[in-house]
Amino acid sequence: MSEFNNTPIDFPCPQCGFINTMSLGQIAELDSVFCRGCKARLYVENGEGPQDIKRVLNSLDSLSSSFEKNSSIKIKL
């Protein structure tokens, strides 16, 4: 599990404008979610969706590990 899985992402519903919040981990595991405002089904359509997010999370973990090994700087989102 990535330390960045719990990073919140806010996004508006394209139908009603309600601001929904999900974590990166949730978005990586799901291909769609329901708007908490109007209950419309929202689909991930960016590239490969969840697979892209998993790659980003893995890259962030690698970068964070590299910084921790080579310096006293810690990355926190």
C-alpha atoms as a PDB file:
ATOM      1  CA  MET A   1       0.000   0.000   0.000  1.00  0.00           C
ATOM      2  CA  SER A   2       1.354   3.391  -0.998  1.00  0.00           C
ATOM      3  CA  GLU A   3       1.762   6.110   1.601  1.00  0.00           C
ATOM      4  CA  PHE A   4       0.039   8.358  -0.954  1.00  0.00           C
ATOM      5  CA  ASN A   5      -3.106   6.180  -1.206  1.00  0.00           C
ATOM      6  CA  ASN A   6      -4.926   8.409   1.289  1.00  0.00           C
ATOM      7  CA  THR A   7      -4.125  11.645  -0.557  1.00  0.00           C
ATOM      8  CA  PRO A   8      -7.498  13.335  -1.175  1.00  0.00           C
ATOM      9  CA  ILE A   9      -8.513  14.523  -4.627  1.00  0.00           C
ATOM     10  CA  ASP A  10     -11.442  16.927  -5.059  1.00  0.00           C
ATOM     11  CA  PHE A  11     -13.277  16.964  -8.368  1.00  0.00           C
ATOM     12  CA  PRO A  12     -16.548  18.537  -9.524  1.00  0.00           C
ATOM     13  CA  CYS A  13     -19.367  16.487 -10.968  1.00  0.00           C
ATOM     14  CA  PRO A  14     -19.745  17.500 -14.634  1.00  0.00           C
ATOM     15  CA  GLN A  15     -23.524  17.164 -14.299  1.00  0.00           C
ATOM     16  CA  CYS A  16     -24.336  19.088 -11.095  1.00  0.00           C
ATOM     17  CA  GLY A  17     -21.045  20.712 -10.047  1.00  0.00           C
ATOM     18  CA  PHE A  18     -21.011  19.058  -6.596  1.00  0.00           C
ATOM     19  CA  ILE A  19     -17.436  18.776  -5.287  1.00  0.00           C
ATOM     20  CA  ASN A  20     -16.715  15.099  -4.635  1.00  0.00           C
ATOM     21  CA  THR A  21     -13.681  13.898  -2.687  1.00  0.00           C
ATOM     22  CA  MET A  22     -11.911  10.572  -3.118  1.00  0.00           C
ATOM     23  CA  SER A  23      -8.462   9.298  -2.265  1.00  0.00           C
ATOM     24  CA  LEU A  24      -5.890   8.397  -4.905  1.00  0.00           C
ATOM     25  CA  GLY A  25      -6.128   4.798  -3.703  1.00  0.00           C
ATOM     26  CA  GLN A  26      -9.886   4.703  -4.273  1.00  0.00           C
ATOM     27  CA  ILE A  27      -9.545   6.187  -7.729  1.00  0.00           C
ATOM     28  CA  ALA A  28      -6.818   3.653  -8.569  1.00  0.00           C
ATOM     29  CA  GLU A  29      -9.107   0.761  -7.634  1.00  0.00           C
ATOM     30  CA  LEU A  30     -12.360   1.971  -9.203  1.00  0.00           C
ATOM     31  CA  ASP A  31     -13.353   2.642 -12.811  1.00  0.00           C
ATOM     32  CA  SER A  32     -16.387   4.704 -11.806  1.00  0.00           C
ATOM     33  CA  VAL A  33     -17.935   6.425  -8.786  1.00  0.00           C
ATOM     34  CA  PHE A  34     -21.301   7.952  -7.975  1.00  0.00           C
ATOM     35  CA  CYS A  35     -21.632  11.697  -7.400  1.00  0.00           C
ATOM     36  CA  ARG A  36     -22.638  12.385  -3.804  1.00  0.00           C
ATOM     37  CA  GLY A  37     -24.728  15.318  -5.032  1.00  0.00           C
ATOM     38  CA  CYS A  38     -26.880  14.059  -7.928  1.00  0.00           C
ATOM     39  CA  LYS A  39     -25.960  10.319  -7.835  1.00  0.00           C
ATOM     40  CA  ALA A  40     -24.763  10.373 -11.469  1.00  0.00           C
ATOM     41  CA  ARG A  41     -22.209   7.700 -12.331  1.00  0.00           C
ATOM     42  CA  LEU A  42     -18.823   9.254 -13.088  1.00  0.00           C
ATOM     43  CA  TYR A  43     -16.302   7.271 -15.145  1.00  0.00           C
ATOM     44  CA  VAL A  44     -12.513   7.528 -15.155  1.00  0.00           C
ATOM     45  CA  GLU A  45     -11.598   8.370 -18.760  1.00  0.00           C
ATOM     46  CA  ASN A  46      -8.017   9.623 -18.453  1.00  0.00           C
ATOM     47  CA  GLY A  47      -5.688   7.271 -20.328  1.00  0.00           C
ATOM     48  CA  GLU A  48      -5.806   3.894 -18.668  1.00  0.00           C
ATOM     49  CA  GLY A  49      -7.453   5.414 -15.583  1.00  0.00           C
ATOM     50  CA  PRO A  50      -6.753   3.277 -12.529  1.00  0.00           C
ATOM     51  CA  GLN A  51      -3.620   1.728 -14.075  1.00  0.00           C
ATOM     52  CA  ASP A  52      -2.156   5.206 -14.674  1.00  0.00           C
ATOM     53  CA  ILE A  53      -2.844   6.180 -11.068  1.00  0.00           C
ATOM     54  CA  LYS A  54      -1.209   2.993  -9.764  1.00  0.00           C
ATOM     55  CA  ARG A  55       1.912   3.823 -11.798  1.00  0.00           C
ATOM     56  CA  VAL A  56       1.937   7.373 -10.391  1.00  0.00           C
ATOM     57  CA  LEU A  57       1.578   6.041  -6.826  1.00  0.00           C
ATOM     58  CA  ASN A  58       4.466   3.613  -7.388  1.00  0.00           C
ATOM     59  CA  SER A  59       6.607   6.424  -8.820  1.00  0.00           C
ATOM     60  CA  LEU A  60       5.841   8.678  -5.852  1.00  0.00           C
ATOM     61  CA  ASP A  61       6.772   5.880  -3.446  1.00  0.00           C
ATOM     62  CA  SER A  62      10.075   5.339  -5.278  1.00  0.00           C
ATOM     63  CA  LEU A  63      10.840   9.054  -5.258  1.00  0.00           C
ATOM     64  CA  SER A  64       9.994   9.328  -1.576  1.00  0.00           C
ATOM     65  CA  SER A  65      12.202   6.319  -0.740  1.00  0.00           C
ATOM     66  CA  SER A  66      15.057   7.800  -2.749  1.00  0.00           C
ATOM     67  CA  PHE A  67      14.849  11.109  -0.866  1.00  0.00           C
ATOM     68  CA  GLU A  68      14.677   9.346   2.490  1.00  0.00           C
ATOM     69  CA  LYS A  69      17.798   7.299   1.689  1.00  0.00           C
ATOM     70  CA  ASN A  70      19.808  10.206   0.311  1.00  0.00           C
ATOM     71  CA  SER A  71      18.794  13.190   2.423  1.00  0.00           C
ATOM     72  CA  SER A  72      16.966  14.372   5.480  1.00  0.00           C
ATOM     73  CA  ILE A  73      14.111  15.794   3.350  1.00  0.00           C
ATOM     74  CA  LYS A  74      10.765  13.991   3.682  1.00  0.00           C
ATOM     75  CA  ILE A  75       7.984  14.344   1.094  1.00  0.00           C
ATOM     76  CA  LYS A  76       4.455  14.721   2.495  1.00  0.00           C
ATOM     77  CA  LEU A  77       1.320  15.615   0.570  1.00  0.00           C
END
